[in-house]
Each structure stands twice: as structure tokens, then as C-alpha cells.
């Protein structure tokens, strides 16, 4: 969004009553906060450390599966699934 667009939004918001202005401001702040968290998570998962951890964990999971240490889940009750013996 350009500065002109932000200015146009601001002008329209100024015409609203204070209650509606507060409501819109709160929603905008919530959206900004959510986007900031998304950016933090994106950066975290893209880090070399995170990629290395994921690759190592992937190898561990495959080894567990090949060793027969996993259960097949085809839907249904998770309680029943976890009552099974491996």
C-alpha cells in the first residue's frame, strides 16, 4: 500500500466516530502483530539451525518407522490408537 492509500484511509477513518476508530485501530494492530509473528516464524524455520534440526529429525523418524516403532493411523479414535502395543 502506498503512502497515498494510507492517507486516504486515515482521512476516511477520521470521519468515523471514536468507537469505530478504536475498533478499526485494534483490528489493524492485531493484523500487524500476526504478520510480525509470521515473519519471526518464517525466519526461524529458514535458519540453518532449524534446517539442520529438521533434517536430523527426519532421519530419526524414518529410522523409527523402518524399525517398526510407529503405528499406522488411518483415522478414527486416537485413544484406541495409543492403546495399541508397538
C-alpha atoms as a PDB file:
ATOM      1  CA  UNK A   1       0.000   0.000   0.000  1.00  0.00           C
ATOM      2  CA  UNK A   2       1.349   3.412  -0.840  1.00  0.00           C
ATOM      3  CA  UNK A   3       1.503   6.455   1.397  1.00  0.00           C
ATOM      4  CA  UNK A   4      -1.337   7.970  -0.663  1.00  0.00           C
ATOM      5  CA  UNK A   5      -3.503   4.962   0.127  1.00  0.00           C
ATOM      6  CA  UNK A   6      -2.692   5.188   3.821  1.00  0.00           C
ATOM      7  CA  UNK A   7      -3.536   8.887   3.790  1.00  0.00           C
ATOM      8  CA  UNK A   8      -6.886   8.161   2.106  1.00  0.00           C
ATOM      9  CA  UNK A   9      -7.672   5.510   4.721  1.00  0.00           C
ATOM     10  CA  UNK A  10      -6.715   7.890   7.524  1.00  0.00           C
ATOM     11  CA  UNK A  11      -8.985  10.619   6.128  1.00  0.00           C
ATOM     12  CA  UNK A  12     -11.915   8.212   5.995  1.00  0.00           C
ATOM     13  CA  UNK A  13     -11.228   6.927   9.499  1.00  0.00           C
ATOM     14  CA  UNK A  14     -11.204  10.480  10.881  1.00  0.00           C
ATOM     15  CA  UNK A  15     -14.832  10.820   9.782  1.00  0.00           C
ATOM     16  CA  UNK A  16     -15.914   7.832  11.881  1.00  0.00           C
ATOM     17  CA  UNK A  17     -16.981   8.120  15.485  1.00  0.00           C
ATOM     18  CA  UNK A  18     -14.287   7.405  18.106  1.00  0.00           C
ATOM     19  CA  UNK A  19     -15.717   3.996  18.990  1.00  0.00           C
ATOM     20  CA  UNK A  20     -15.408   2.803  15.381  1.00  0.00           C
ATOM     21  CA  UNK A  21     -11.971   4.373  15.057  1.00  0.00           C
ATOM     22  CA  UNK A  22     -10.814   2.425  18.114  1.00  0.00           C
ATOM     23  CA  UNK A  23     -12.315  -0.782  16.744  1.00  0.00           C
ATOM     24  CA  UNK A  24     -10.544  -0.395  13.391  1.00  0.00           C
ATOM     25  CA  UNK A  25      -7.261   0.567  15.073  1.00  0.00           C
ATOM     26  CA  UNK A  26      -7.453  -2.539  17.261  1.00  0.00           C
ATOM     27  CA  UNK A  27      -8.028  -4.769  14.231  1.00  0.00           C
ATOM     28  CA  UNK A  28      -5.154  -3.176  12.330  1.00  0.00           C
ATOM     29  CA  UNK A  29      -2.818  -3.660  15.309  1.00  0.00           C
ATOM     30  CA  UNK A  30      -3.903  -7.302  15.628  1.00  0.00           C
ATOM     31  CA  UNK A  31      -3.152  -7.863  11.937  1.00  0.00           C
ATOM     32  CA  UNK A  32       0.250  -6.209  12.231  1.00  0.00           C
ATOM     33  CA  UNK A  33       1.088  -8.345  15.280  1.00  0.00           C
ATOM     34  CA  UNK A  34       0.046 -11.519  13.455  1.00  0.00           C
ATOM     35  CA  UNK A  35       2.199 -10.577  10.475  1.00  0.00           C
ATOM     36  CA  UNK A  36       5.162  -9.852  12.735  1.00  0.00           C
ATOM     37  CA  UNK A  37       4.810 -13.313  14.325  1.00  0.00           C
ATOM     38  CA  UNK A  38       4.559 -14.891  10.862  1.00  0.00           C
ATOM     39  CA  UNK A  39       7.773 -13.171   9.840  1.00  0.00           C
ATOM     40  CA  UNK A  40       9.528 -14.362  13.018  1.00  0.00           C
ATOM     41  CA  UNK A  41       8.423 -17.966  12.383  1.00  0.00           C
ATOM     42  CA  UNK A  42       9.432 -17.766   8.712  1.00  0.00           C
ATOM     43  CA  UNK A  43      12.890 -16.528   9.689  1.00  0.00           C
ATOM     44  CA  UNK A  44      13.190 -19.189  12.396  1.00  0.00           C
ATOM     45  CA  UNK A  45      12.273 -22.076  10.101  1.00  0.00           C
ATOM     46  CA  UNK A  46      14.562 -20.781   7.363  1.00  0.00           C
ATOM     47  CA  UNK A  47      17.590 -20.620   9.672  1.00  0.00           C
ATOM     48  CA  UNK A  48      20.447 -23.082   9.087  1.00  0.00           C
ATOM     49  CA  UNK A  49      19.981 -24.441  12.616  1.00  0.00           C
ATOM     50  CA  UNK A  50      16.307 -25.153  12.033  1.00  0.00           C
ATOM     51  CA  UNK A  51      17.019 -26.812   8.689  1.00  0.00           C
ATOM     52  CA  UNK A  52      19.719 -28.983  10.278  1.00  0.00           C
ATOM     53  CA  UNK A  53      17.394 -29.968  13.121  1.00  0.00           C
ATOM     54  CA  UNK A  54      14.609 -30.833  10.668  1.00  0.00           C
ATOM     55  CA  UNK A  55      16.938 -32.965   8.535  1.00  0.00           C
ATOM     56  CA  UNK A  56      18.221 -34.825  11.616  1.00  0.00           C
ATOM     57  CA  UNK A  57      14.703 -35.366  12.957  1.00  0.00           C
ATOM     58  CA  UNK A  58      13.559 -36.610   9.529  1.00  0.00           C
ATOM     59  CA  UNK A  59      16.301 -39.245   9.570  1.00  0.00           C
ATOM     60  CA  UNK A  60      15.286 -40.296  13.099  1.00  0.00           C
ATOM     61  CA  UNK A  61      11.623 -40.606  12.134  1.00  0.00           C
ATOM     62  CA  UNK A  62      12.431 -42.717   9.064  1.00  0.00           C
ATOM     63  CA  UNK A  63      14.649 -44.977  11.181  1.00  0.00           C
ATOM     64  CA  UNK A  64      11.878 -45.393  13.780  1.00  0.00           C
ATOM     65  CA  UNK A  65       9.409 -46.291  11.048  1.00  0.00           C
ATOM     66  CA  UNK A  66      11.768 -48.790   9.399  1.00  0.00           C
ATOM     67  CA  UNK A  67      12.398 -50.365  12.828  1.00  0.00           C
ATOM     68  CA  UNK A  68       8.655 -50.905  13.253  1.00  0.00           C
ATOM     69  CA  UNK A  69       8.357 -48.384  16.065  1.00  0.00           C
ATOM     70  CA  UNK A  70       5.471 -46.451  14.507  1.00  0.00           C
ATOM     71  CA  UNK A  71       1.746 -47.087  14.297  1.00  0.00           C
ATOM     72  CA  UNK A  72      -0.399 -46.739  11.192  1.00  0.00           C
ATOM     73  CA  UNK A  73      -3.123 -44.140  11.659  1.00  0.00           C
ATOM     74  CA  UNK A  74      -5.997 -44.293   9.202  1.00  0.00           C
ATOM     75  CA  UNK A  75      -8.395 -42.060  11.105  1.00  0.00           C
ATOM     76  CA  UNK A  76     -10.763 -42.744  13.941  1.00  0.00           C
ATOM     77  CA  UNK A  77     -10.075 -42.651  17.644  1.00  0.00           C
ATOM     78  CA  UNK A  78      -6.623 -41.557  18.748  1.00  0.00           C
ATOM     79  CA  UNK A  79      -7.363 -43.076  22.172  1.00  0.00           C
ATOM     80  CA  UNK A  80      -7.699 -46.516  20.560  1.00  0.00           C
ATOM     81  CA  UNK A  81      -4.564 -45.944  18.513  1.00  0.00           C
ATOM     82  CA  UNK A  82      -2.476 -45.220  21.592  1.00  0.00           C
ATOM     83  CA  UNK A  83      -3.852 -48.250  23.427  1.00  0.00           C
ATOM     84  CA  UNK A  84      -2.203 -50.494  20.827  1.00  0.00           C
ATOM     85  CA  UNK A  85       1.140 -52.045  21.569  1.00  0.00           C
ATOM     86  CA  UNK A  86       4.026 -51.362  19.256  1.00  0.00           C
END
